Amino acid sequence: MRSKEIEREGTPVCPLCKRPIPSHAKQSQHHLIPKLKGGRGGPTVLLHQVCHNEIHATLTEAELARDFDTPEKLRTHPHLAKFVQWLEKKPADFHVRTQKSLRRRRK
């Protein structure tokens, strides 16, 4: 079951950064509750790939399931809020490699 995607003039809008997602841009579906935490078949949202990567580099599956299961909650996370503010000035099809999470770099 997919959630309804917000559209602006027929173009989907990323619920994290609120920028349009052009058809040629890298994009992916994000399970609001991770599949490993029971979200298989649950609601998803279409995101820019760069936004999706940043979410998973920032938060664990457990944190996503427990505290950040909506786009609104994701935008309240301090790191993601700062990321979205940085991303506002980028074109809608902007993509950059996401750095590994701090947790993974420490290992």
PDB file of N, CA and C in Angstrom:
ATOM      1  N   MET A   1       0.834  -1.172   0.000  1.00  0.00           N
ATOM      2  CA  MET A   1       0.000   0.000   0.000  1.00  0.00           C
ATOM      3  C   MET A   1       0.885   1.244   0.000  1.00  0.00           C
ATOM      4  N   ARG A   2       0.762   2.073  -1.012  1.00  0.00           N
ATOM      5  CA  ARG A   2       1.542   3.312  -1.083  1.00  0.00           C
ATOM      6  C   ARG A   2       0.698   4.469  -0.581  1.00  0.00           C
ATOM      7  N   SER A   3       1.345   5.387   0.129  1.00  0.00           N
ATOM      8  CA  SER A   3       0.620   6.574   0.553  1.00  0.00           C
ATOM      9  C   SER A   3       0.446   7.487  -0.656  1.00  0.00           C
ATOM     10  N   LYS A   4      -0.511   8.380  -0.572  1.00  0.00           N
ATOM     11  CA  LYS A   4      -0.698   9.353  -1.650  1.00  0.00           C
ATOM     12  C   LYS A   4       0.497  10.286  -1.669  1.00  0.00           C
ATOM     13  N   GLU A   5       1.026  10.517  -2.845  1.00  0.00           N
ATOM     14  CA  GLU A   5       2.171  11.402  -2.982  1.00  0.00           C
ATOM     15  C   GLU A   5       1.683  12.794  -3.323  1.00  0.00           C
ATOM     16  N   ILE A   6       2.252  13.761  -2.670  1.00  0.00           N
ATOM     17  CA  ILE A   6       1.904  15.144  -2.938  1.00  0.00           C
ATOM     18  C   ILE A   6       2.414  15.489  -4.325  1.00  0.00           C
ATOM     19  N   GLU A   7       1.586  16.148  -5.111  1.00  0.00           N
ATOM     20  CA  GLU A   7       2.001  16.540  -6.450  1.00  0.00           C
ATOM     21  C   GLU A   7       1.798  18.030  -6.651  1.00  0.00           C
ATOM     22  N   ARG A   8       2.699  18.589  -7.423  1.00  0.00           N
ATOM     23  CA  ARG A   8       2.603  19.986  -7.813  1.00  0.00           C
ATOM     24  C   ARG A   8       2.609  19.993  -9.333  1.00  0.00           C
ATOM     25  N   GLU A   9       1.463  20.345  -9.916  1.00  0.00           N
ATOM     26  CA  GLU A   9       1.315  20.373 -11.371  1.00  0.00           C
ATOM     27  C   GLU A   9       1.728  19.050 -12.004  1.00  0.00           C
ATOM     28  N   GLY A  10       1.300  17.936 -11.420  1.00  0.00           N
ATOM     29  CA  GLY A  10       1.583  16.618 -11.971  1.00  0.00           C
ATOM     30  C   GLY A  10       2.936  16.044 -11.614  1.00  0.00           C
ATOM     31  N   THR A  11       3.792  16.806 -10.953  1.00  0.00           N
ATOM     32  CA  THR A  11       5.120  16.332 -10.551  1.00  0.00           C
ATOM     33  C   THR A  11       5.095  16.028  -9.059  1.00  0.00           C
ATOM     34  N   PRO A  12       5.534  14.811  -8.653  1.00  0.00           N
ATOM     35  CA  PRO A  12       5.557  14.506  -7.223  1.00  0.00           C
ATOM     36  C   PRO A  12       6.498  15.449  -6.476  1.00  0.00           C
ATOM     37  N   VAL A  13       6.185  15.683  -5.220  1.00  0.00           N
ATOM     38  CA  VAL A  13       6.994  16.547  -4.360  1.00  0.00           C
ATOM     39  C   VAL A  13       7.553  15.699  -3.220  1.00  0.00           C
ATOM     40  N   CYS A  14       8.826  15.826  -2.973  1.00  0.00           N
ATOM     41  CA  CYS A  14       9.492  15.087  -1.903  1.00  0.00           C
ATOM     42  C   CYS A  14       8.946  15.570  -0.549  1.00  0.00           C
ATOM     43  N   PRO A  15       8.402  14.666   0.270  1.00  0.00           N
ATOM     44  CA  PRO A  15       7.852  15.096   1.555  1.00  0.00           C
ATOM     45  C   PRO A  15       8.910  15.503   2.582  1.00  0.00           C
ATOM     46  N   LEU A  16      10.185  15.187   2.324  1.00  0.00           N
ATOM     47  CA  LEU A  16      11.230  15.613   3.250  1.00  0.00           C
ATOM     48  C   LEU A  16      11.699  17.026   2.928  1.00  0.00           C
ATOM     49  N   CYS A  17      12.148  17.251   1.699  1.00  0.00           N
ATOM     50  CA  CYS A  17      12.725  18.555   1.352  1.00  0.00           C
ATOM     51  C   CYS A  17      11.733  19.507   0.687  1.00  0.00           C
ATOM     52  N   LYS A  18      10.550  18.995   0.326  1.00  0.00           N
ATOM     53  CA  LYS A  18       9.482  19.798  -0.284  1.00  0.00           C
ATOM     54  C   LYS A  18       9.832  20.332  -1.676  1.00  0.00           C
ATOM     55  N   ARG A  19      10.842  19.736  -2.335  1.00  0.00           N
ATOM     56  CA  ARG A  19      11.181  20.119  -3.702  1.00  0.00           C
ATOM     57  C   ARG A  19      10.519  19.144  -4.662  1.00  0.00           C
ATOM     58  N   PRO A  20      10.196  19.585  -5.896  1.00  0.00           N
ATOM     59  CA  PRO A  20       9.621  18.654  -6.866  1.00  0.00           C
ATOM     60  C   PRO A  20      10.621  17.550  -7.217  1.00  0.00           C
ATOM     61  N   ILE A  21      10.090  16.400  -7.600  1.00  0.00           N
ATOM     62  CA  ILE A  21      10.929  15.272  -8.008  1.00  0.00           C
ATOM     63  C   ILE A  21      10.715  15.061  -9.511  1.00  0.00           C
ATOM     64  N   PRO A  22      11.598  15.612 -10.352  1.00  0.00           N
ATOM     65  CA  PRO A  22      11.445  15.414 -11.794  1.00  0.00           C
ATOM     66  C   PRO A  22      11.559  13.934 -12.155  1.00  0.00           C
ATOM     67  N   SER A  23      10.923  13.541 -13.244  1.00  0.00           N
ATOM     68  CA  SER A  23      10.936  12.127 -13.630  1.00  0.00           C
ATOM     69  C   SER A  23      12.347  11.619 -13.920  1.00  0.00           C
ATOM     70  N   HIS A  24      13.265  12.507 -14.329  1.00  0.00           N
ATOM     71  CA  HIS A  24      14.630  12.078 -14.633  1.00  0.00           C
ATOM     72  C   HIS A  24      15.553  12.075 -13.409  1.00  0.00           C
ATOM     73  N   ALA A  25      15.065  12.547 -12.265  1.00  0.00           N
ATOM     74  CA  ALA A  25      15.889  12.608 -11.051  1.00  0.00           C
ATOM     75  C   ALA A  25      15.966  11.247 -10.382  1.00  0.00           C
ATOM     76  N   LYS A  26      17.063  11.002  -9.676  1.00  0.00           N
ATOM     77  CA  LYS A  26      17.185   9.764  -8.897  1.00  0.00           C
ATOM     78  C   LYS A  26      16.174   9.845  -7.766  1.00  0.00           C
ATOM     79  N   GLN A  27      15.404   8.779  -7.608  1.00  0.00           N
ATOM     80  CA  GLN A  27      14.328   8.764  -6.620  1.00  0.00           C
ATOM     81  C   GLN A  27      14.129   7.349  -6.091  1.00  0.00           C
ATOM     82  N   SER A  28      13.474   7.236  -4.946  1.00  0.00           N
ATOM     83  CA  SER A  28      13.184   5.909  -4.398  1.00  0.00           C
ATOM     84  C   SER A  28      12.037   5.994  -3.405  1.00  0.00           C
ATOM     85  N   GLN A  29      11.455   4.832  -3.135  1.00  0.00           N
ATOM     86  CA  GLN A  29      10.376   4.716  -2.158  1.00  0.00           C
ATOM     87  C   GLN A  29      10.982   4.472  -0.777  1.00  0.00           C
ATOM     88  N   HIS A  30      10.482   5.175   0.221  1.00  0.00           N
ATOM     89  CA  HIS A  30      10.939   5.009   1.601  1.00  0.00           C
ATOM     90  C   HIS A  30       9.800   4.406   2.409  1.00  0.00           C
ATOM     91  N   HIS A  31      10.063   3.278   3.062  1.00  0.00           N
ATOM     92  CA  HIS A  31       9.070   2.683   3.959  1.00  0.00           C
ATOM     93  C   HIS A  31       9.066   3.496   5.252  1.00  0.00           C
ATOM     94  N   LEU A  32       7.918   4.047   5.605  1.00  0.00           N
ATOM     95  CA  LEU A  32       7.849   4.871   6.809  1.00  0.00           C
ATOM     96  C   LEU A  32       8.173   4.054   8.053  1.00  0.00           C
ATOM     97  N   ILE A  33       7.785   2.792   8.057  1.00  0.00           N
ATOM     98  CA  ILE A  33       8.234   1.870   9.098  1.00  0.00           C
ATOM     99  C   ILE A  33       9.134   0.873   8.368  1.00  0.00           C
ATOM    100  N   PRO A  34      10.408   0.787   8.748  1.00  0.00           N
ATOM    101  CA  PRO A  34      11.339  -0.085   8.028  1.00  0.00           C
ATOM    102  C   PRO A  34      10.813  -1.518   7.906  1.00  0.00           C
ATOM    103  N   LYS A  35      11.119  -2.139   6.777  1.00  0.00           N
ATOM    104  CA  LYS A  35      10.676  -3.516   6.534  1.00  0.00           C
ATOM    105  C   LYS A  35      11.158  -4.455   7.632  1.00  0.00           C
ATOM    106  N   LEU A  36      12.382  -4.238   8.127  1.00  0.00           N
ATOM    107  CA  LEU A  36      12.920  -5.090   9.183  1.00  0.00           C
ATOM    108  C   LEU A  36      12.184  -4.930  10.510  1.00  0.00           C
ATOM    109  N   LYS A  37      11.417  -3.861  10.642  1.00  0.00           N
ATOM    110  CA  LYS A  37      10.685  -3.585  11.879  1.00  0.00           C
ATOM    111  C   LYS A  37       9.183  -3.726  11.678  1.00  0.00           C
ATOM    112  N   GLY A  38       8.785  -4.526  10.686  1.00  0.00           N
ATOM    113  CA  GLY A  38       7.365  -4.805  10.480  1.00  0.00           C
ATOM    114  C   GLY A  38       6.680  -3.938   9.447  1.00  0.00           C
ATOM    115  N   GLY A  39       7.427  -3.146   8.697  1.00  0.00           N
ATOM    116  CA  GLY A  39       6.826  -2.229   7.740  1.00  0.00           C
ATOM    117  C   GLY A  39       6.632  -2.785   6.343  1.00  0.00           C
ATOM    118  N   ARG A  40       6.919  -4.056   6.127  1.00  0.00           N
ATOM    119  CA  ARG A  40       6.731  -4.658   4.802  1.00  0.00           C
ATOM    120  C   ARG A  40       5.256  -4.558   4.437  1.00  0.00           C
ATOM    121  N   GLY A  41       4.975  -3.963   3.285  1.00  0.00           N
ATOM    122  CA  GLY A  41       3.599  -3.786   2.856  1.00  0.00           C
ATOM    123  C   GLY A  41       2.942  -2.552   3.454  1.00  0.00           C
ATOM    124  N   GLY A  42       3.670  -1.836   4.297  1.00  0.00           N
ATOM    125  CA  GLY A  42       3.124  -0.639   4.917  1.00  0.00           C
ATOM    126  C   GLY A  42       3.272   0.575   4.015  1.00  0.00           C
ATOM    127  N   PRO A  43       2.884   1.742   4.511  1.00  0.00           N
ATOM    128  CA  PRO A  43       2.930   2.957   3.690  1.00  0.00           C
ATOM    129  C   PRO A  43       4.351   3.360   3.310  1.00  0.00           C
ATOM    130  N   THR A  44       4.488   3.863   2.095  1.00  0.00           N
ATOM    131  CA  THR A  44       5.759   4.379   1.602  1.00  0.00           C
ATOM    132  C   THR A  44       5.552   5.786   1.074  1.00  0.00           C
ATOM    133  N   VAL A  45       6.657   6.516   0.952  1.00  0.00           N
ATOM    134  CA  VAL A  45       6.631   7.839   0.328  1.00  0.00           C
ATOM    135  C   VAL A  45       7.750   7.903  -0.700  1.00  0.00           C
ATOM    136  N   LEU A  46       7.506   8.619  -1.773  1.00  0.00           N
ATOM    137  CA  LEU A  46       8.514   8.816  -2.806  1.00  0.00           C
ATOM    138  C   LEU A  46       9.418   9.966  -2.388  1.00  0.00           C
ATOM    139  N   LEU A  47      10.731   9.719  -2.391  1.00  0.00           N
ATOM    140  CA  LEU A  47      11.718  10.720  -1.991  1.00  0.00           C
ATOM    141  C   LEU A  47      12.774  10.864  -3.075  1.00  0.00           C
ATOM    142  N   HIS A  48      13.477  12.009  -3.069  1.00  0.00           N
ATOM    143  CA  HIS A  48      14.710  12.100  -3.848  1.00  0.00           C
ATOM    144  C   HIS A  48      15.656  11.049  -3.279  1.00  0.00           C
ATOM    145  N   GLN A  49      16.479  10.444  -4.110  1.00  0.00           N
ATOM    146  CA  GLN A  49      17.427   9.447  -3.621  1.00  0.00           C
ATOM    147  C   GLN A  49      18.377  10.055  -2.593  1.00  0.00           C
ATOM    148  N   VAL A  50      18.806  11.295  -2.808  1.00  0.00           N
ATOM    149  CA  VAL A  50      19.729  11.939  -1.868  1.00  0.00           C
ATOM    150  C   VAL A  50      19.067  12.106  -0.495  1.00  0.00           C
ATOM    151  N   CYS A  51      17.776  12.404  -0.467  1.00  0.00           N
ATOM    152  CA  CYS A  51      17.051  12.536   0.804  1.00  0.00           C
ATOM    153  C   CYS A  51      16.937  11.175   1.491  1.00  0.00           C
ATOM    154  N   HIS A  52      16.604  10.154   0.707  1.00  0.00           N
ATOM    155  CA  HIS A  52      16.473   8.800   1.245  1.00  0.00           C
ATOM    156  C   HIS A  52      17.804   8.323   1.826  1.00  0.00           C
ATOM    157  N   ASN A  53      18.887   8.550   1.103  1.00  0.00           N
ATOM    158  CA  ASN A  53      20.208   8.155   1.587  1.00  0.00           C
ATOM    159  C   ASN A  53      20.548   8.853   2.901  1.00  0.00           C
ATOM    160  N   GLU A  54      20.241  10.146   2.989  1.00  0.00           N
ATOM    161  CA  GLU A  54      20.574  10.909   4.196  1.00  0.00           C
ATOM    162  C   GLU A  54      19.779  10.404   5.403  1.00  0.00           C
ATOM    163  N   ILE A  55      18.524  10.042   5.189  1.00  0.00           N
ATOM    164  CA  ILE A  55      17.711   9.491   6.279  1.00  0.00           C
ATOM    165  C   ILE A  55      18.382   8.247   6.849  1.00  0.00           C
ATOM    166  N   HIS A  56      18.770   7.328   5.961  1.00  0.00           N
ATOM    167  CA  HIS A  56      19.339   6.063   6.425  1.00  0.00           C
ATOM    168  C   HIS A  56      20.773   6.210   6.930  1.00  0.00           C
ATOM    169  N   ALA A  57      21.480   7.249   6.512  1.00  0.00           N
ATOM    170  CA  ALA A  57      22.815   7.509   7.057  1.00  0.00           C
ATOM    171  C   ALA A  57      22.731   8.143   8.440  1.00  0.00           C
ATOM    172  N   THR A  58      21.592   8.759   8.737  1.00  0.00           N
ATOM    173  CA  THR A  58      21.420   9.495   9.989  1.00  0.00           C
ATOM    174  C   THR A  58      20.774   8.660  11.085  1.00  0.00           C
ATOM    175  N   LEU A  59      19.781   7.866  10.721  1.00  0.00           N
ATOM    176  CA  LEU A  59      18.968   7.158  11.714  1.00  0.00           C
ATOM    177  C   LEU A  59      19.046   5.651  11.541  1.00  0.00           C
ATOM    178  N   THR A  60      18.958   4.940  12.652  1.00  0.00           N
ATOM    179  CA  THR A  60      18.915   3.477  12.608  1.00  0.00           C
ATOM    180  C   THR A  60      17.501   3.025  12.267  1.00  0.00           C
ATOM    181  N   GLU A  61      17.373   1.758  11.908  1.00  0.00           N
ATOM    182  CA  GLU A  61      16.049   1.188  11.626  1.00  0.00           C
ATOM    183  C   GLU A  61      15.154   1.313  12.873  1.00  0.00           C
ATOM    184  N   ALA A  62      15.714   1.054  14.034  1.00  0.00           N
ATOM    185  CA  ALA A  62      14.939   1.140  15.283  1.00  0.00           C
ATOM    186  C   ALA A  62      14.465   2.568  15.539  1.00  0.00           C
ATOM    187  N   GLU A  63      15.340   3.548  15.329  1.00  0.00           N
ATOM    188  CA  GLU A  63      14.950   4.954  15.521  1.00  0.00           C
ATOM    189  C   GLU A  63      13.849   5.342  14.543  1.00  0.00           C
ATOM    190  N   LEU A  64      13.983   4.896  13.293  1.00  0.00           N
ATOM    191  CA  LEU A  64      12.958   5.198  12.295  1.00  0.00           C
ATOM    192  C   LEU A  64      11.608   4.625  12.717  1.00  0.00           C
ATOM    193  N   ALA A  65      11.583   3.376  13.136  1.00  0.00           N
ATOM    194  CA  ALA A  65      10.328   2.726  13.520  1.00  0.00           C
ATOM    195  C   ALA A  65       9.728   3.350  14.774  1.00  0.00           C
ATOM    196  N   ARG A  66      10.573   3.680  15.733  1.00  0.00           N
ATOM    197  CA  ARG A  66      10.103   4.156  17.032  1.00  0.00           C
ATOM    198  C   ARG A  66       9.727   5.638  17.027  1.00  0.00           C
ATOM    199  N   ASP A  67      10.570   6.492  16.419  1.00  0.00           N
ATOM    200  CA  ASP A  67      10.410   7.935  16.602  1.00  0.00           C
ATOM    201  C   ASP A  67      10.212   8.749  15.329  1.00  0.00           C
ATOM    202  N   PHE A  68      10.518   8.188  14.172  1.00  0.00           N
ATOM    203  CA  PHE A  68      10.519   8.989  12.945  1.00  0.00           C
ATOM    204  C   PHE A  68       9.760   8.287  11.821  1.00  0.00           C
ATOM    205  N   ASP A  69       8.488   7.962  12.084  1.00  0.00           N
ATOM    206  CA  ASP A  69       7.693   7.193  11.136  1.00  0.00           C
ATOM    207  C   ASP A  69       6.787   8.038  10.236  1.00  0.00           C
ATOM    208  N   THR A  70       7.026   9.347  10.187  1.00  0.00           N
ATOM    209  CA  THR A  70       6.304  10.226   9.265  1.00  0.00           C
ATOM    210  C   THR A  70       7.293  11.254   8.700  1.00  0.00           C
ATOM    211  N   PRO A  71       6.992  11.815   7.528  1.00  0.00           N
ATOM    212  CA  PRO A  71       7.874  12.872   6.999  1.00  0.00           C
ATOM    213  C   PRO A  71       7.965  14.073   7.945  1.00  0.00           C
ATOM    214  N   GLU A  72       6.868  14.391   8.616  1.00  0.00           N
ATOM    215  CA  GLU A  72       6.870  15.530   9.538  1.00  0.00           C
ATOM    216  C   GLU A  72       7.855  15.297  10.689  1.00  0.00           C
ATOM    217  N   LYS A  73       7.849  14.083  11.229  1.00  0.00           N
ATOM    218  CA  LYS A  73       8.775  13.750  12.313  1.00  0.00           C
ATOM    219  C   LYS A  73      10.219  13.734  11.816  1.00  0.00           C
ATOM    220  N   LEU A  74      10.436  13.230  10.600  1.00  0.00           N
ATOM    221  CA  LEU A  74      11.788  13.233  10.034  1.00  0.00           C
ATOM    222  C   LEU A  74      12.331  14.652   9.935  1.00  0.00           C
ATOM    223  N   ARG A  75      11.500  15.599   9.521  1.00  0.00           N
ATOM    224  CA  ARG A  75      11.957  16.989   9.371  1.00  0.00           C
ATOM    225  C   ARG A  75      12.302  17.641  10.704  1.00  0.00           C
ATOM    226  N   THR A  76      11.840  17.068  11.820  1.00  0.00           N
ATOM    227  CA  THR A  76      12.172  17.648  13.133  1.00  0.00           C
ATOM    228  C   THR A  76      13.534  17.206  13.647  1.00  0.00           C
ATOM    229  N   HIS A  77      14.123  16.174  13.045  1.00  0.00           N
ATOM    230  CA  HIS A  77      15.438  15.711  13.495  1.00  0.00           C
ATOM    231  C   HIS A  77      16.464  16.804  13.183  1.00  0.00           C
ATOM    232  N   PRO A  78      17.282  17.220  14.150  1.00  0.00           N
ATOM    233  CA  PRO A  78      18.208  18.345  13.938  1.00  0.00           C
ATOM    234  C   PRO A  78      19.122  18.183  12.720  1.00  0.00           C
ATOM    235  N   HIS A  79      19.703  17.010  12.525  1.00  0.00           N
ATOM    236  CA  HIS A  79      20.604  16.820  11.386  1.00  0.00           C
ATOM    237  C   HIS A  79      19.830  16.887  10.066  1.00  0.00           C
ATOM    238  N   LEU A  80      18.677  16.235  10.012  1.00  0.00           N
ATOM    239  CA  LEU A  80      17.896  16.243   8.775  1.00  0.00           C
ATOM    240  C   LEU A  80      17.349  17.633   8.481  1.00  0.00           C
ATOM    241  N   ALA A  81      16.981  18.388   9.504  1.00  0.00           N
ATOM    242  CA  ALA A  81      16.516  19.759   9.301  1.00  0.00           C
ATOM    243  C   ALA A  81      17.624  20.618   8.690  1.00  0.00           C
ATOM    244  N   LYS A  82      18.832  20.447   9.184  1.00  0.00           N
ATOM    245  CA  LYS A  82      19.983  21.185   8.646  1.00  0.00           C
ATOM    246  C   LYS A  82      20.268  20.745   7.208  1.00  0.00           C
ATOM    247  N   PHE A  83      20.165  19.443   6.934  1.00  0.00           N
ATOM    248  CA  PHE A  83      20.361  18.912   5.586  1.00  0.00           C
ATOM    249  C   PHE A  83      19.331  19.504   4.618  1.00  0.00           C
ATOM    250  N   VAL A  84      18.067  19.540   5.024  1.00  0.00           N
ATOM    251  CA  VAL A  84      17.001  20.086   4.175  1.00  0.00           C
ATOM    252  C   VAL A  84      17.261  21.568   3.898  1.00  0.00           C
ATOM    253  N   GLN A  85      17.697  22.298   4.897  1.00  0.00           N
ATOM    254  CA  GLN A  85      18.014  23.724   4.708  1.00  0.00           C
ATOM    255  C   GLN A  85      19.142  23.885   3.691  1.00  0.00           C
ATOM    256  N   TRP A  86      20.156  23.048   3.747  1.00  0.00           N
ATOM    257  CA  TRP A  86      21.265  23.086   2.787  1.00  0.00           C
ATOM    258  C   TRP A  86      20.764  22.729   1.393  1.00  0.00           C
ATOM    259  N   LEU A  87      19.875  21.756   1.320  1.00  0.00           N
ATOM    260  CA  LEU A  87      19.380  21.245   0.045  1.00  0.00           C
ATOM    261  C   LEU A  87      18.441  22.221  -0.670  1.00  0.00           C
ATOM    262  N   GLU A  88      17.814  23.125   0.077  1.00  0.00           N
ATOM    263  CA  GLU A  88      16.858  24.081  -0.505  1.00  0.00           C
ATOM    264  C   GLU A  88      17.421  24.843  -1.701  1.00  0.00           C
ATOM    265  N   LYS A  89      18.696  25.142  -1.689  1.00  0.00           N
ATOM    266  CA  LYS A  89      19.322  25.957  -2.734  1.00  0.00           C
ATOM    267  C   LYS A  89      19.774  25.136  -3.937  1.00  0.00           C
ATOM    268  N   LYS A  90      19.588  23.833  -3.872  1.00  0.00           N
ATOM    269  CA  LYS A  90      20.037  22.942  -4.948  1.00  0.00           C
ATOM    270  C   LYS A  90      18.895  22.716  -5.950  1.00  0.00           C
ATOM    271  N   PRO A  91      19.245  22.403  -7.215  1.00  0.00           N
ATOM    272  CA  PRO A  91      18.202  22.102  -8.196  1.00  0.00           C
ATOM    273  C   PRO A  91      17.455  20.814  -7.823  1.00  0.00           C
ATOM    274  N   ALA A  92      16.253  20.666  -8.339  1.00  0.00           N
ATOM    275  CA  ALA A  92      15.392  19.535  -7.985  1.00  0.00           C
ATOM    276  C   ALA A  92      15.997  18.185  -8.339  1.00  0.00           C
ATOM    277  N   ASP A  93      16.879  18.132  -9.332  1.00  0.00           N
ATOM    278  CA  ASP A  93      17.473  16.850  -9.712  1.00  0.00           C
ATOM    279  C   ASP A  93      18.887  16.667  -9.133  1.00  0.00           C
ATOM    280  N   PHE A  94      19.258  17.488  -8.157  1.00  0.00           N
ATOM    281  CA  PHE A  94      20.578  17.426  -7.525  1.00  0.00           C
ATOM    282  C   PHE A  94      20.782  16.078  -6.835  1.00  0.00           C
ATOM    283  N   HIS A  95      21.965  15.512  -7.007  1.00  0.00           N
ATOM    284  CA  HIS A  95      22.321  14.278  -6.307  1.00  0.00           C
ATOM    285  C   HIS A  95      23.809  14.329  -5.976  1.00  0.00           C
ATOM    286  N   VAL A  96      24.146  13.882  -4.806  1.00  0.00           N
ATOM    287  CA  VAL A  96      25.533  13.799  -4.360  1.00  0.00           C
ATOM    288  C   VAL A  96      25.651  12.539  -3.515  1.00  0.00           C
ATOM    289  N   ARG A  97      26.836  11.940  -3.522  1.00  0.00           N
ATOM    290  CA  ARG A  97      27.039  10.768  -2.669  1.00  0.00           C
ATOM    291  C   ARG A  97      26.895  11.158  -1.214  1.00  0.00           C
ATOM    292  N   THR A  98      26.198  10.354  -0.478  1.00  0.00           N
ATOM    293  CA  THR A  98      25.991  10.594   0.942  1.00  0.00           C
ATOM    294  C   THR A  98      27.139   9.965   1.718  1.00  0.00           C
ATOM    295  N   GLN A  99      27.668  10.722   2.679  1.00  0.00           N
ATOM    296  CA  GLN A  99      28.727  10.172   3.514  1.00  0.00           C
ATOM    297  C   GLN A  99      28.153   9.093   4.415  1.00  0.00           C
ATOM    298  N   LYS A 100      28.988   8.135   4.798  1.00  0.00           N
ATOM    299  CA  LYS A 100      28.545   7.084   5.706  1.00  0.00           C
ATOM    300  C   LYS A 100      28.146   7.699   7.038  1.00  0.00           C
ATOM    301  N   SER A 101      27.280   7.013   7.740  1.00  0.00           N
ATOM    302  CA  SER A 101      26.847   7.497   9.035  1.00  0.00           C
ATOM    303  C   SER A 101      28.011   7.535  10.003  1.00  0.00           C
ATOM    304  N   LEU A 102      27.916   8.366  11.021  1.00  0.00           N
ATOM    305  CA  LEU A 102      28.954   8.441  12.048  1.00  0.00           C
ATOM    306  C   LEU A 102      29.131   7.103  12.738  1.00  0.00           C
ATOM    307  N   ARG A 103      28.025   6.389  12.958  1.00  0.00           N
ATOM    308  CA  ARG A 103      28.099   5.082  13.637  1.00  0.00           C
ATOM    309  C   ARG A 103      28.943   4.114  12.818  1.00  0.00           C
ATOM    310  N   ARG A 104      28.767   4.111  11.492  1.00  0.00           N
ATOM    311  CA  ARG A 104      29.508   3.182  10.644  1.00  0.00           C
ATOM    312  C   ARG A 104      30.969   3.595  10.511  1.00  0.00           C
ATOM    313  N   ARG A 105      31.257   4.894  10.529  1.00  0.00           N
ATOM    314  CA  ARG A 105      32.641   5.355  10.389  1.00  0.00           C
ATOM    315  C   ARG A 105      33.471   5.005  11.626  1.00  0.00           C
ATOM    316  N   ARG A 106      32.839   4.911  12.779  1.00  0.00           N
ATOM    317  CA  ARG A 106      33.564   4.631  14.023  1.00  0.00           C
ATOM    318  C   ARG A 106      34.007   3.188  14.121  1.00  0.00           C
ATOM    319  N   LYS A 107      33.371   2.290  13.376  1.00  0.00           N
ATOM    320  CA  LYS A 107      33.696   0.860  13.462  1.00  0.00           C
ATOM    321  C   LYS A 107      35.032   0.554  12.864  1.00  0.00           C
TER     322      LYS A 107
END
